[in-house]
Amino acid sequence: MTEPPAAPPAAPVASPCIRLCRLDPETGLCLGCHRTLEEIAGWSAMDPAARQAVMAALPRRAAGSSRGEV
């Protein structure tokens, strides 16, 4: 018997970095990508699910930072 074909590997989750790297001292978020310093530093070691979780939080963070809240 032959094995069913393996599922294709998941596409990597690209970094949201836009090269505007400054941390907001009040929120601790990058003003460019809206990630925390810990998320930025750990990005390369995160699995795709962890990266997706960060990506899912970014729109809310971006919206909150434009209104002065997070």
N, C-alpha and C. Protein backbone atom coordinates (compact mmCIF):
# COMPACT_ATOMS: atom_id res chain seq x y z
N MET A 1 0.83 -1.18 0.00
CA MET A 1 0.00 0.00 0.00
C MET A 1 0.88 1.24 0.00
N THR A 2 0.37 2.25 -0.61
CA THR A 2 1.11 3.51 -0.63
C THR A 2 0.49 4.49 0.35
N GLU A 3 1.32 5.31 0.86
CA GLU A 3 0.87 6.35 1.79
C GLU A 3 0.16 7.45 1.00
N PRO A 4 -0.86 8.07 1.60
CA PRO A 4 -1.46 9.23 0.93
C PRO A 4 -0.43 10.35 0.86
N PRO A 5 -0.55 11.20 -0.13
CA PRO A 5 0.43 12.29 -0.23
C PRO A 5 0.39 13.18 1.01
N ALA A 6 1.55 13.60 1.39
CA ALA A 6 1.65 14.48 2.56
C ALA A 6 1.07 15.85 2.21
N ALA A 7 0.51 16.48 3.21
CA ALA A 7 -0.01 17.83 3.00
C ALA A 7 1.17 18.76 2.72
N PRO A 8 0.95 19.72 1.84
CA PRO A 8 2.06 20.64 1.58
C PRO A 8 2.40 21.42 2.84
N PRO A 9 3.66 21.78 2.98
CA PRO A 9 4.02 22.55 4.19
C PRO A 9 3.28 23.88 4.21
N ALA A 10 2.98 24.33 5.41
CA ALA A 10 2.29 25.61 5.56
C ALA A 10 3.20 26.73 5.05
N ALA A 11 2.60 27.69 4.40
CA ALA A 11 3.37 28.83 3.92
C ALA A 11 3.89 29.60 5.13
N PRO A 12 5.12 30.06 5.06
CA PRO A 12 5.64 30.82 6.20
C PRO A 12 4.86 32.11 6.38
N VAL A 13 4.76 32.55 7.60
CA VAL A 13 4.07 33.81 7.92
C VAL A 13 5.12 34.90 7.88
N ALA A 14 4.97 35.81 6.94
CA ALA A 14 5.95 36.89 6.77
C ALA A 14 5.90 37.85 7.95
N SER A 15 7.02 38.44 8.22
CA SER A 15 7.11 39.43 9.28
C SER A 15 6.32 40.67 8.89
N PRO A 16 5.62 41.28 9.86
CA PRO A 16 4.89 42.51 9.58
C PRO A 16 5.77 43.76 9.63
N CYS A 17 7.06 43.57 9.80
CA CYS A 17 7.98 44.70 9.92
C CYS A 17 7.93 45.58 8.67
N ILE A 18 7.81 46.90 8.89
CA ILE A 18 7.82 47.85 7.77
C ILE A 18 9.03 48.78 7.87
N ARG A 19 10.00 48.40 8.69
CA ARG A 19 11.25 49.15 8.85
C ARG A 19 11.05 50.55 9.45
N LEU A 20 10.03 50.67 10.29
CA LEU A 20 9.81 51.88 11.06
C LEU A 20 9.90 51.45 12.52
N CYS A 21 11.12 51.21 12.96
CA CYS A 21 11.36 50.54 14.23
C CYS A 21 11.61 51.53 15.37
N ARG A 22 10.52 51.87 16.04
CA ARG A 22 10.59 52.73 17.23
C ARG A 22 9.54 52.20 18.21
N LEU A 23 9.94 52.05 19.45
CA LEU A 23 9.00 51.58 20.46
C LEU A 23 8.33 52.76 21.15
N ASP A 24 7.02 52.67 21.28
CA ASP A 24 6.26 53.66 22.03
C ASP A 24 6.52 53.40 23.51
N PRO A 25 7.07 54.36 24.25
CA PRO A 25 7.38 54.11 25.66
C PRO A 25 6.15 53.86 26.53
N GLU A 26 4.99 54.35 26.11
CA GLU A 26 3.77 54.15 26.90
C GLU A 26 3.16 52.78 26.70
N THR A 27 3.12 52.31 25.44
CA THR A 27 2.47 51.03 25.16
C THR A 27 3.45 49.86 25.06
N GLY A 28 4.72 50.16 24.77
CA GLY A 28 5.69 49.09 24.56
C GLY A 28 5.59 48.46 23.19
N LEU A 29 4.79 49.07 22.30
CA LEU A 29 4.61 48.53 20.95
C LEU A 29 5.45 49.29 19.95
N CYS A 30 5.90 48.58 18.93
CA CYS A 30 6.61 49.22 17.84
C CYS A 30 5.62 50.11 17.08
N LEU A 31 6.05 51.32 16.76
CA LEU A 31 5.18 52.25 16.05
C LEU A 31 4.96 51.83 14.60
N GLY A 32 5.83 50.99 14.06
CA GLY A 32 5.68 50.53 12.68
C GLY A 32 4.82 49.29 12.55
N CYS A 33 5.17 48.23 13.29
CA CYS A 33 4.47 46.94 13.11
C CYS A 33 3.52 46.59 14.24
N HIS A 34 3.55 47.35 15.32
CA HIS A 34 2.64 47.17 16.47
C HIS A 34 2.89 45.89 17.26
N ARG A 35 4.12 45.35 17.14
CA ARG A 35 4.49 44.19 17.95
C ARG A 35 5.24 44.66 19.19
N THR A 36 5.25 43.79 20.21
CA THR A 36 6.04 44.06 21.41
C THR A 36 7.50 43.72 21.11
N LEU A 37 8.40 44.21 21.94
CA LEU A 37 9.81 43.89 21.78
C LEU A 37 10.02 42.37 21.87
N GLU A 38 9.31 41.71 22.76
CA GLU A 38 9.43 40.26 22.91
C GLU A 38 8.97 39.54 21.63
N GLU A 39 7.89 40.02 21.02
CA GLU A 39 7.41 39.41 19.77
C GLU A 39 8.40 39.63 18.63
N ILE A 40 8.98 40.82 18.57
CA ILE A 40 9.96 41.11 17.53
C ILE A 40 11.18 40.21 17.69
N ALA A 41 11.70 40.15 18.91
CA ALA A 41 12.91 39.37 19.18
C ALA A 41 12.68 37.87 18.96
N GLY A 42 11.49 37.39 19.28
CA GLY A 42 11.21 35.96 19.18
C GLY A 42 10.63 35.51 17.86
N TRP A 43 10.39 36.43 16.92
CA TRP A 43 9.70 36.11 15.67
C TRP A 43 10.34 34.94 14.93
N SER A 44 11.64 34.94 14.79
CA SER A 44 12.30 33.90 14.00
C SER A 44 12.18 32.52 14.64
N ALA A 45 11.97 32.46 15.94
CA ALA A 45 11.84 31.18 16.63
C ALA A 45 10.38 30.73 16.77
N MET A 46 9.42 31.60 16.45
CA MET A 46 8.00 31.25 16.59
C MET A 46 7.57 30.26 15.51
N ASP A 47 6.67 29.37 15.91
CA ASP A 47 6.08 28.48 14.91
C ASP A 47 4.97 29.26 14.17
N PRO A 48 4.50 28.72 13.03
CA PRO A 48 3.49 29.45 12.26
C PRO A 48 2.24 29.81 13.05
N ALA A 49 1.81 28.95 13.95
CA ALA A 49 0.60 29.24 14.73
C ALA A 49 0.82 30.44 15.65
N ALA A 50 1.99 30.53 16.26
CA ALA A 50 2.29 31.66 17.13
C ALA A 50 2.38 32.95 16.31
N ARG A 51 3.00 32.86 15.14
CA ARG A 51 3.08 34.04 14.27
C ARG A 51 1.69 34.49 13.83
N GLN A 52 0.82 33.54 13.50
CA GLN A 52 -0.55 33.89 13.11
C GLN A 52 -1.28 34.57 14.26
N ALA A 53 -1.05 34.12 15.48
CA ALA A 53 -1.70 34.73 16.64
C ALA A 53 -1.25 36.18 16.79
N VAL A 54 0.03 36.43 16.60
CA VAL A 54 0.53 37.80 16.67
C VAL A 54 -0.10 38.63 15.55
N MET A 55 -0.09 38.09 14.34
CA MET A 55 -0.65 38.81 13.19
C MET A 55 -2.13 39.15 13.41
N ALA A 56 -2.87 38.24 14.04
CA ALA A 56 -4.29 38.47 14.29
C ALA A 56 -4.52 39.63 15.26
N ALA A 57 -3.58 39.85 16.16
CA ALA A 57 -3.72 40.92 17.15
C ALA A 57 -3.33 42.30 16.61
N LEU A 58 -2.59 42.35 15.52
CA LEU A 58 -2.05 43.62 15.04
C LEU A 58 -3.10 44.64 14.60
N PRO A 59 -4.15 44.27 13.88
CA PRO A 59 -5.14 45.28 13.50
C PRO A 59 -5.78 45.99 14.69
N ARG A 60 -6.08 45.24 15.74
CA ARG A 60 -6.66 45.84 16.95
C ARG A 60 -5.65 46.78 17.61
N ARG A 61 -4.40 46.35 17.67
CA ARG A 61 -3.36 47.20 18.25
C ARG A 61 -3.18 48.47 17.44
N ALA A 62 -3.15 48.33 16.12
CA ALA A 62 -2.96 49.50 15.25
C ALA A 62 -4.12 50.48 15.41
N ALA A 63 -5.34 49.96 15.47
CA ALA A 63 -6.51 50.82 15.63
C ALA A 63 -6.47 51.51 16.99
N GLY A 64 -6.08 50.79 18.01
CA GLY A 64 -6.00 51.37 19.35
C GLY A 64 -4.91 52.41 19.46
N SER A 65 -3.79 52.18 18.80
CA SER A 65 -2.70 53.15 18.90
C SER A 65 -3.01 54.43 18.15
N SER A 66 -3.83 54.34 17.10
CA SER A 66 -4.18 55.56 16.38
C SER A 66 -5.16 56.41 17.18
N ARG A 67 -5.85 55.80 18.15
CA ARG A 67 -6.77 56.53 19.01
C ARG A 67 -6.16 56.81 20.38
N GLY A 68 -4.87 56.42 20.55
CA GLY A 68 -4.22 56.66 21.83
C GLY A 68 -4.54 55.62 22.88
N GLU A 69 -5.01 54.44 22.46
CA GLU A 69 -5.30 53.35 23.40
C GLU A 69 -4.77 52.07 22.81
N VAL A 70 -4.58 51.06 23.64
CA VAL A 70 -4.15 49.75 23.15
C VAL A 70 -4.72 48.67 24.01
